[in-house]
Amino acid sequence: MSGEFNGLQALILNNCQYAYYVHCFAHRLQLALVAAAREVVEVHQFFKDLSDIVNISSASFKRHNELQKAQAAEITRLVSINELATGT
């Protein structure tokens, strides 16, 4: 897949000059990290909960909009009590 002249890498680079190739080592590292994280119950539970939250909140536009409104309200609250810097 990563052939320099006629592999998938070359085909993608011909169509998009800004694309870059990541060696399969990055994928193997991700798989190793996932396997290691499953061994730690707290880490596994955190990512499971995070996945559930993302799935639930993105399942409908209404939930997504409610989440965005709640985030905006929380940011406004934090800015008003000087807990969050705005950069201005």
PDB file of N, CA and C in Angstrom:
ATOM      1  N   MET A   1       0.812  -1.197   0.000  1.00  0.00           N
ATOM      2  CA  MET A   1       0.000   0.000   0.000  1.00  0.00           C
ATOM      3  C   MET A   1       0.856   1.262   0.000  1.00  0.00           C
ATOM      4  N   SER A   2       2.092   1.145   0.436  1.00  0.00           N
ATOM      5  CA  SER A   2       2.911   2.344   0.542  1.00  0.00           C
ATOM      6  C   SER A   2       3.942   2.436  -0.581  1.00  0.00           C
ATOM      7  N   GLY A   3       3.678   1.792  -1.699  1.00  0.00           N
ATOM      8  CA  GLY A   3       4.615   1.839  -2.810  1.00  0.00           C
ATOM      9  C   GLY A   3       4.913   3.264  -3.235  1.00  0.00           C
ATOM     10  N   GLU A   4       6.187   3.538  -3.454  1.00  0.00           N
ATOM     11  CA  GLU A   4       6.599   4.910  -3.752  1.00  0.00           C
ATOM     12  C   GLU A   4       6.116   5.374  -5.127  1.00  0.00           C
ATOM     13  N   PHE A   5       6.002   4.439  -6.102  1.00  0.00           N
ATOM     14  CA  PHE A   5       5.688   4.843  -7.465  1.00  0.00           C
ATOM     15  C   PHE A   5       4.273   4.464  -7.905  1.00  0.00           C
ATOM     16  N   ASN A   6       3.764   3.311  -7.496  1.00  0.00           N
ATOM     17  CA  ASN A   6       2.442   2.915  -7.968  1.00  0.00           C
ATOM     18  C   ASN A   6       1.575   2.300  -6.863  1.00  0.00           C
ATOM     19  N   GLY A   7       1.884   2.572  -5.627  1.00  0.00           N
ATOM     20  CA  GLY A   7       1.066   2.097  -4.523  1.00  0.00           C
ATOM     21  C   GLY A   7       0.002   3.110  -4.164  1.00  0.00           C
ATOM     22  N   LEU A   8      -0.721   2.804  -3.134  1.00  0.00           N
ATOM     23  CA  LEU A   8      -1.782   3.705  -2.677  1.00  0.00           C
ATOM     24  C   LEU A   8      -1.212   5.061  -2.255  1.00  0.00           C
ATOM     25  N   GLN A   9      -0.038   5.037  -1.636  1.00  0.00           N
ATOM     26  CA  GLN A   9       0.595   6.289  -1.226  1.00  0.00           C
ATOM     27  C   GLN A   9       0.821   7.195  -2.427  1.00  0.00           C
ATOM     28  N   ALA A  10       1.319   6.662  -3.511  1.00  0.00           N
ATOM     29  CA  ALA A  10       1.588   7.457  -4.710  1.00  0.00           C
ATOM     30  C   ALA A  10       0.298   7.989  -5.316  1.00  0.00           C
ATOM     31  N   LEU A  11      -0.745   7.157  -5.343  1.00  0.00           N
ATOM     32  CA  LEU A  11      -2.019   7.607  -5.904  1.00  0.00           C
ATOM     33  C   LEU A  11      -2.598   8.772  -5.103  1.00  0.00           C
ATOM     34  N   ILE A  12      -2.525   8.667  -3.786  1.00  0.00           N
ATOM     35  CA  ILE A  12      -3.050   9.751  -2.942  1.00  0.00           C
ATOM     36  C   ILE A  12      -2.218  11.008  -3.102  1.00  0.00           C
ATOM     37  N   LEU A  13      -0.905  10.866  -3.128  1.00  0.00           N
ATOM     38  CA  LEU A  13      -0.040  12.037  -3.276  1.00  0.00           C
ATOM     39  C   LEU A  13      -0.221  12.711  -4.636  1.00  0.00           C
ATOM     40  N   ASN A  14      -0.583  11.946  -5.661  1.00  0.00           N
ATOM     41  CA  ASN A  14      -0.853  12.557  -6.973  1.00  0.00           C
ATOM     42  C   ASN A  14      -2.091  13.437  -6.915  1.00  0.00           C
ATOM     43  N   ASN A  15      -3.083  13.052  -6.126  1.00  0.00           N
ATOM     44  CA  ASN A  15      -4.317  13.826  -6.036  1.00  0.00           C
ATOM     45  C   ASN A  15      -4.254  14.929  -4.995  1.00  0.00           C
ATOM     46  N   CYS A  16      -3.489  14.733  -3.949  1.00  0.00           N
ATOM     47  CA  CYS A  16      -3.403  15.717  -2.872  1.00  0.00           C
ATOM     48  C   CYS A  16      -1.950  15.844  -2.431  1.00  0.00           C
ATOM     49  N   GLN A  17      -1.312  16.915  -2.844  1.00  0.00           N
ATOM     50  CA  GLN A  17       0.117  17.070  -2.574  1.00  0.00           C
ATOM     51  C   GLN A  17       0.425  17.334  -1.096  1.00  0.00           C
ATOM     52  N   TYR A  18      -0.591  17.709  -0.312  1.00  0.00           N
ATOM     53  CA  TYR A  18      -0.364  18.004   1.097  1.00  0.00           C
ATOM     54  C   TYR A  18      -0.578  16.795   2.002  1.00  0.00           C
ATOM     55  N   ALA A  19      -0.982  15.662   1.435  1.00  0.00           N
ATOM     56  CA  ALA A  19      -1.168  14.450   2.223  1.00  0.00           C
ATOM     57  C   ALA A  19       0.206  13.925   2.653  1.00  0.00           C
ATOM     58  N   TYR A  20       0.235  13.218   3.757  1.00  0.00           N
ATOM     59  CA  TYR A  20       1.485  12.613   4.188  1.00  0.00           C
ATOM     60  C   TYR A  20       1.223  11.179   4.632  1.00  0.00           C
ATOM     61  N   TYR A  21       2.249  10.379   4.558  1.00  0.00           N
ATOM     62  CA  TYR A  21       2.149   8.950   4.843  1.00  0.00           C
ATOM     63  C   TYR A  21       2.636   8.683   6.260  1.00  0.00           C
ATOM     64  N   VAL A  22       1.871   7.905   7.004  1.00  0.00           N
ATOM     65  CA  VAL A  22       2.271   7.488   8.349  1.00  0.00           C
ATOM     66  C   VAL A  22       2.551   6.000   8.281  1.00  0.00           C
ATOM     67  N   HIS A  23       3.746   5.627   8.645  1.00  0.00           N
ATOM     68  CA  HIS A  23       4.157   4.233   8.600  1.00  0.00           C
ATOM     69  C   HIS A  23       3.265   3.390   9.494  1.00  0.00           C
ATOM     70  N   CYS A  24       3.153   2.121   9.199  1.00  0.00           N
ATOM     71  CA  CYS A  24       2.270   1.233   9.943  1.00  0.00           C
ATOM     72  C   CYS A  24       2.686   1.110  11.411  1.00  0.00           C
ATOM     73  N   PHE A  25       3.902   1.579  11.759  1.00  0.00           N
ATOM     74  CA  PHE A  25       4.319   1.545  13.149  1.00  0.00           C
ATOM     75  C   PHE A  25       3.359   2.348  14.029  1.00  0.00           C
ATOM     76  N   ALA A  26       2.851   3.469  13.497  1.00  0.00           N
ATOM     77  CA  ALA A  26       1.896   4.268  14.263  1.00  0.00           C
ATOM     78  C   ALA A  26       0.631   3.465  14.547  1.00  0.00           C
ATOM     79  N   HIS A  27       0.189   2.694  13.592  1.00  0.00           N
ATOM     80  CA  HIS A  27      -0.996   1.861  13.788  1.00  0.00           C
ATOM     81  C   HIS A  27      -0.712   0.763  14.807  1.00  0.00           C
ATOM     82  N   ARG A  28       0.460   0.152  14.723  1.00  0.00           N
ATOM     83  CA  ARG A  28       0.815  -0.888  15.697  1.00  0.00           C
ATOM     84  C   ARG A  28       0.909  -0.303  17.100  1.00  0.00           C
ATOM     85  N   LEU A  29       1.427   0.919  17.212  1.00  0.00           N
ATOM     86  CA  LEU A  29       1.515   1.581  18.508  1.00  0.00           C
ATOM     87  C   LEU A  29       0.123   1.839  19.067  1.00  0.00           C
ATOM     88  N   GLN A  30      -0.802   2.273  18.213  1.00  0.00           N
ATOM     89  CA  GLN A  30      -2.171   2.501  18.658  1.00  0.00           C
ATOM     90  C   GLN A  30      -2.790   1.202  19.162  1.00  0.00           C
ATOM     91  N   LEU A  31      -2.600   0.124  18.443  1.00  0.00           N
ATOM     92  CA  LEU A  31      -3.148  -1.165  18.871  1.00  0.00           C
ATOM     93  C   LEU A  31      -2.551  -1.607  20.202  1.00  0.00           C
ATOM     94  N   ALA A  32      -1.264  -1.377  20.396  1.00  0.00           N
ATOM     95  CA  ALA A  32      -0.624  -1.738  21.663  1.00  0.00           C
ATOM     96  C   ALA A  32      -1.165  -0.904  22.813  1.00  0.00           C
ATOM     97  N   LEU A  33      -1.373   0.398  22.564  1.00  0.00           N
ATOM     98  CA  LEU A  33      -1.917   1.264  23.606  1.00  0.00           C
ATOM     99  C   LEU A  33      -3.338   0.873  23.974  1.00  0.00           C
ATOM    100  N   VAL A  34      -4.142   0.524  22.983  1.00  0.00           N
ATOM    101  CA  VAL A  34      -5.516   0.098  23.248  1.00  0.00           C
ATOM    102  C   VAL A  34      -5.513  -1.181  24.069  1.00  0.00           C
ATOM    103  N   ALA A  35      -4.662  -2.132  23.704  1.00  0.00           N
ATOM    104  CA  ALA A  35      -4.582  -3.388  24.444  1.00  0.00           C
ATOM    105  C   ALA A  35      -4.121  -3.149  25.880  1.00  0.00           C
ATOM    106  N   ALA A  36      -3.151  -2.249  26.062  1.00  0.00           N
ATOM    107  CA  ALA A  36      -2.670  -1.946  27.409  1.00  0.00           C
ATOM    108  C   ALA A  36      -3.727  -1.223  28.229  1.00  0.00           C
ATOM    109  N   ALA A  37      -4.469  -0.330  27.586  1.00  0.00           N
ATOM    110  CA  ALA A  37      -5.502   0.426  28.301  1.00  0.00           C
ATOM    111  C   ALA A  37      -6.627  -0.484  28.772  1.00  0.00           C
ATOM    112  N   ARG A  38      -6.888  -1.556  28.039  1.00  0.00           N
ATOM    113  CA  ARG A  38      -7.942  -2.487  28.455  1.00  0.00           C
ATOM    114  C   ARG A  38      -7.583  -3.215  29.736  1.00  0.00           C
ATOM    115  N   GLU A  39      -6.296  -3.312  30.031  1.00  0.00           N
ATOM    116  CA  GLU A  39      -5.856  -4.006  31.235  1.00  0.00           C
ATOM    117  C   GLU A  39      -6.060  -3.168  32.489  1.00  0.00           C
ATOM    118  N   VAL A  40      -6.119  -1.840  32.334  1.00  0.00           N
ATOM    119  CA  VAL A  40      -6.331  -0.944  33.476  1.00  0.00           C
ATOM    120  C   VAL A  40      -7.821  -0.608  33.504  1.00  0.00           C
ATOM    121  N   VAL A  41      -8.499  -1.075  34.536  1.00  0.00           N
ATOM    122  CA  VAL A  41      -9.954  -0.982  34.597  1.00  0.00           C
ATOM    123  C   VAL A  41     -10.423   0.468  34.527  1.00  0.00           C
ATOM    124  N   GLU A  42      -9.765   1.371  35.249  1.00  0.00           N
ATOM    125  CA  GLU A  42     -10.188   2.765  35.276  1.00  0.00           C
ATOM    126  C   GLU A  42     -10.056   3.417  33.904  1.00  0.00           C
ATOM    127  N   VAL A  43      -8.963   3.142  33.211  1.00  0.00           N
ATOM    128  CA  VAL A  43      -8.740   3.726  31.881  1.00  0.00           C
ATOM    129  C   VAL A  43      -9.758   3.157  30.894  1.00  0.00           C
ATOM    130  N   HIS A  44      -9.979   1.856  30.962  1.00  0.00           N
ATOM    131  CA  HIS A  44     -10.952   1.226  30.075  1.00  0.00           C
ATOM    132  C   HIS A  44     -12.351   1.792  30.314  1.00  0.00           C
ATOM    133  N   GLN A  45     -12.719   1.956  31.587  1.00  0.00           N
ATOM    134  CA  GLN A  45     -14.046   2.484  31.915  1.00  0.00           C
ATOM    135  C   GLN A  45     -14.190   3.932  31.458  1.00  0.00           C
ATOM    136  N   PHE A  46     -13.122   4.732  31.597  1.00  0.00           N
ATOM    137  CA  PHE A  46     -13.157   6.125  31.149  1.00  0.00           C
ATOM    138  C   PHE A  46     -13.442   6.213  29.657  1.00  0.00           C
ATOM    139  N   PHE A  47     -12.698   5.439  28.848  1.00  0.00           N
ATOM    140  CA  PHE A  47     -12.887   5.511  27.406  1.00  0.00           C
ATOM    141  C   PHE A  47     -14.226   4.903  26.986  1.00  0.00           C
ATOM    142  N   LYS A  48     -14.704   3.915  27.714  1.00  0.00           N
ATOM    143  CA  LYS A  48     -16.022   3.360  27.428  1.00  0.00           C
ATOM    144  C   LYS A  48     -17.097   4.414  27.693  1.00  0.00           C
ATOM    145  N   ASP A  49     -16.996   5.100  28.842  1.00  0.00           N
ATOM    146  CA  ASP A  49     -17.952   6.158  29.165  1.00  0.00           C
ATOM    147  C   ASP A  49     -17.875   7.297  28.160  1.00  0.00           C
ATOM    148  N   LEU A  50     -16.666   7.669  27.779  1.00  0.00           N
ATOM    149  CA  LEU A  50     -16.481   8.733  26.795  1.00  0.00           C
ATOM    150  C   LEU A  50     -17.117   8.353  25.462  1.00  0.00           C
ATOM    151  N   SER A  51     -16.925   7.130  25.052  1.00  0.00           N
ATOM    152  CA  SER A  51     -17.529   6.653  23.813  1.00  0.00           C
ATOM    153  C   SER A  51     -19.053   6.696  23.896  1.00  0.00           C
ATOM    154  N   ASP A  52     -19.597   6.291  25.038  1.00  0.00           N
ATOM    155  CA  ASP A  52     -21.054   6.335  25.216  1.00  0.00           C
ATOM    156  C   ASP A  52     -21.577   7.767  25.146  1.00  0.00           C
ATOM    157  N   ILE A  53     -20.867   8.704  25.776  1.00  0.00           N
ATOM    158  CA  ILE A  53     -21.284  10.103  25.766  1.00  0.00           C
ATOM    159  C   ILE A  53     -21.277  10.660  24.346  1.00  0.00           C
ATOM    160  N   VAL A  54     -20.222  10.363  23.604  1.00  0.00           N
ATOM    161  CA  VAL A  54     -20.136  10.846  22.225  1.00  0.00           C
ATOM    162  C   VAL A  54     -21.253  10.249  21.382  1.00  0.00           C
ATOM    163  N   ASN A  55     -21.505   8.957  21.539  1.00  0.00           N
ATOM    164  CA  ASN A  55     -22.567   8.314  20.755  1.00  0.00           C
ATOM    165  C   ASN A  55     -23.938   8.872  21.096  1.00  0.00           C
ATOM    166  N   ILE A  56     -24.201   9.082  22.371  1.00  0.00           N
ATOM    167  CA  ILE A  56     -25.510   9.587  22.785  1.00  0.00           C
ATOM    168  C   ILE A  56     -25.708  11.031  22.340  1.00  0.00           C
ATOM    169  N   SER A  57     -24.680  11.865  22.540  1.00  0.00           N
ATOM    170  CA  SER A  57     -24.841  13.283  22.220  1.00  0.00           C
ATOM    171  C   SER A  57     -24.876  13.539  20.716  1.00  0.00           C
ATOM    172  N   SER A  58     -24.242  12.684  19.935  1.00  0.00           N
ATOM    173  CA  SER A  58     -24.246  12.913  18.492  1.00  0.00           C
ATOM    174  C   SER A  58     -25.355  12.138  17.783  1.00  0.00           C
ATOM    175  N   ALA A  59     -26.161  11.405  18.531  1.00  0.00           N
ATOM    176  CA  ALA A  59     -27.219  10.603  17.914  1.00  0.00           C
ATOM    177  C   ALA A  59     -28.353  11.472  17.371  1.00  0.00           C
ATOM    178  N   SER A  60     -28.575  12.627  17.986  1.00  0.00           N
ATOM    179  CA  SER A  60     -29.643  13.494  17.493  1.00  0.00           C
ATOM    180  C   SER A  60     -29.185  14.941  17.527  1.00  0.00           C
ATOM    181  N   PHE A  61     -29.735  15.736  16.623  1.00  0.00           N
ATOM    182  CA  PHE A  61     -29.373  17.151  16.573  1.00  0.00           C
ATOM    183  C   PHE A  61     -29.836  17.877  17.830  1.00  0.00           C
ATOM    184  N   LYS A  62     -30.970  17.459  18.377  1.00  0.00           N
ATOM    185  CA  LYS A  62     -31.495  18.113  19.572  1.00  0.00           C
ATOM    186  C   LYS A  62     -30.523  17.940  20.741  1.00  0.00           C
ATOM    187  N   ARG A  63     -30.041  16.711  20.955  1.00  0.00           N
ATOM    188  CA  ARG A  63     -29.073  16.482  22.032  1.00  0.00           C
ATOM    189  C   ARG A  63     -27.779  17.243  21.789  1.00  0.00           C
ATOM    190  N   HIS A  64     -27.346  17.240  20.521  1.00  0.00           N
ATOM    191  CA  HIS A  64     -26.110  17.945  20.171  1.00  0.00           C
ATOM    192  C   HIS A  64     -26.253  19.441  20.447  1.00  0.00           C
ATOM    193  N   ASN A  65     -27.379  20.022  20.065  1.00  0.00           N
ATOM    194  CA  ASN A  65     -27.611  21.452  20.310  1.00  0.00           C
ATOM    195  C   ASN A  65     -27.700  21.748  21.796  1.00  0.00           C
ATOM    196  N   GLU A  66     -28.342  20.870  22.564  1.00  0.00           N
ATOM    197  CA  GLU A  66     -28.423  21.065  24.009  1.00  0.00           C
ATOM    198  C   GLU A  66     -27.039  21.012  24.649  1.00  0.00           C
ATOM    199  N   LEU A  67     -26.197  20.098  24.180  1.00  0.00           N
ATOM    200  CA  LEU A  67     -24.828  20.013  24.695  1.00  0.00           C
ATOM    201  C   LEU A  67     -24.050  21.278  24.368  1.00  0.00           C
ATOM    202  N   GLN A  68     -24.215  21.798  23.157  1.00  0.00           N
ATOM    203  CA  GLN A  68     -23.526  23.032  22.780  1.00  0.00           C
ATOM    204  C   GLN A  68     -24.005  24.211  23.625  1.00  0.00           C
ATOM    205  N   LYS A  69     -25.301  24.290  23.889  1.00  0.00           N
ATOM    206  CA  LYS A  69     -25.828  25.365  24.733  1.00  0.00           C
ATOM    207  C   LYS A  69     -25.280  25.265  26.145  1.00  0.00           C
ATOM    208  N   ALA A  70     -25.212  24.042  26.680  1.00  0.00           N
ATOM    209  CA  ALA A  70     -24.677  23.843  28.028  1.00  0.00           C
ATOM    210  C   ALA A  70     -23.205  24.226  28.084  1.00  0.00           C
ATOM    211  N   GLN A  71     -22.436  23.885  27.047  1.00  0.00           N
ATOM    212  CA  GLN A  71     -21.023  24.265  26.993  1.00  0.00           C
ATOM    213  C   GLN A  71     -20.869  25.776  26.924  1.00  0.00           C
ATOM    214  N   ALA A  72     -21.669  26.429  26.110  1.00  0.00           N
ATOM    215  CA  ALA A  72     -21.596  27.885  25.991  1.00  0.00           C
ATOM    216  C   ALA A  72     -21.935  28.550  27.321  1.00  0.00           C
ATOM    217  N   ALA A  73     -22.947  28.039  28.013  1.00  0.00           N
ATOM    218  CA  ALA A  73     -23.321  28.601  29.315  1.00  0.00           C
ATOM    219  C   ALA A  73     -22.196  28.402  30.328  1.00  0.00           C
ATOM    220  N   GLU A  74     -21.566  27.233  30.308  1.00  0.00           N
ATOM    221  CA  GLU A  74     -20.468  26.968  31.247  1.00  0.00           C
ATOM    222  C   GLU A  74     -19.268  27.860  30.945  1.00  0.00           C
ATOM    223  N   ILE A  75     -18.953  28.065  29.686  1.00  0.00           N
ATOM    224  CA  ILE A  75     -17.837  28.947  29.321  1.00  0.00           C
ATOM    225  C   ILE A  75     -18.142  30.373  29.748  1.00  0.00           C
ATOM    226  N   THR A  76     -19.363  30.831  29.523  1.00  0.00           N
ATOM    227  CA  THR A  76     -19.761  32.172  29.944  1.00  0.00           C
ATOM    228  C   THR A  76     -19.637  32.327  31.454  1.00  0.00           C
ATOM    229  N   ARG A  77     -20.053  31.295  32.190  1.00  0.00           N
ATOM    230  CA  ARG A  77     -19.960  31.333  33.652  1.00  0.00           C
ATOM    231  C   ARG A  77     -18.500  31.393  34.111  1.00  0.00           C
ATOM    232  N   LEU A  78     -17.639  30.587  33.496  1.00  0.00           N
ATOM    233  CA  LEU A  78     -16.229  30.570  33.877  1.00  0.00           C
ATOM    234  C   LEU A  78     -15.541  31.893  33.553  1.00  0.00           C
ATOM    235  N   VAL A  79     -15.904  32.497  32.430  1.00  0.00           N
ATOM    236  CA  VAL A  79     -15.318  33.798  32.061  1.00  0.00           C
ATOM    237  C   VAL A  79     -15.777  34.873  33.044  1.00  0.00           C
ATOM    238  N   SER A  80     -17.035  34.801  33.444  1.00  0.00           N
ATOM    239  CA  SER A  80     -17.572  35.834  34.337  1.00  0.00           C
ATOM    240  C   SER A  80     -16.938  35.794  35.731  1.00  0.00           C
ATOM    241  N   ILE A  81     -16.488  34.628  36.172  1.00  0.00           N
ATOM    242  CA  ILE A  81     -15.849  34.543  37.501  1.00  0.00           C
ATOM    243  C   ILE A  81     -14.327  34.484  37.387  1.00  0.00           C
ATOM    244  N   ASN A  82     -13.811  34.828  36.198  1.00  0.00           N
ATOM    245  CA  ASN A  82     -12.372  34.891  35.935  1.00  0.00           C
ATOM    246  C   ASN A  82     -11.659  33.554  36.148  1.00  0.00           C
ATOM    247  N   GLU A  83     -12.334  32.470  35.896  1.00  0.00           N
ATOM    248  CA  GLU A  83     -11.709  31.144  35.956  1.00  0.00           C
ATOM    249  C   GLU A  83     -11.156  30.719  34.605  1.00  0.00           C
ATOM    250  N   LEU A  84     -11.541  31.441  33.556  1.00  0.00           N
ATOM    251  CA  LEU A  84     -11.138  31.099  32.211  1.00  0.00           C
ATOM    252  C   LEU A  84     -10.669  32.371  31.518  1.00  0.00           C
ATOM    253  N   ALA A  85      -9.438  32.362  31.015  1.00  0.00           N
ATOM    254  CA  ALA A  85      -8.901  33.533  30.313  1.00  0.00           C
ATOM    255  C   ALA A  85      -9.407  33.511  28.866  1.00  0.00           C
ATOM    256  N   THR A  86      -9.768  34.682  28.350  1.00  0.00           N
ATOM    257  CA  THR A  86     -10.283  34.787  26.995  1.00  0.00           C
ATOM    258  C   THR A  86      -9.227  35.241  26.010  1.00  0.00           C
ATOM    259  N   GLY A  87      -8.118  35.721  26.465  1.00  0.00           N
ATOM    260  CA  GLY A  87      -7.070  36.171  25.553  1.00  0.00           C
ATOM    261  C   GLY A  87      -7.296  37.593  25.039  1.00  0.00           C
ATOM    262  N   THR A  88      -8.244  38.312  25.635  1.00  0.00           N
ATOM    263  CA  THR A  88      -8.471  39.691  25.206  1.00  0.00           C
ATOM    264  C   THR A  88      -8.052  40.646  26.285  1.00  0.00           C
TER     265      THR A  88
END
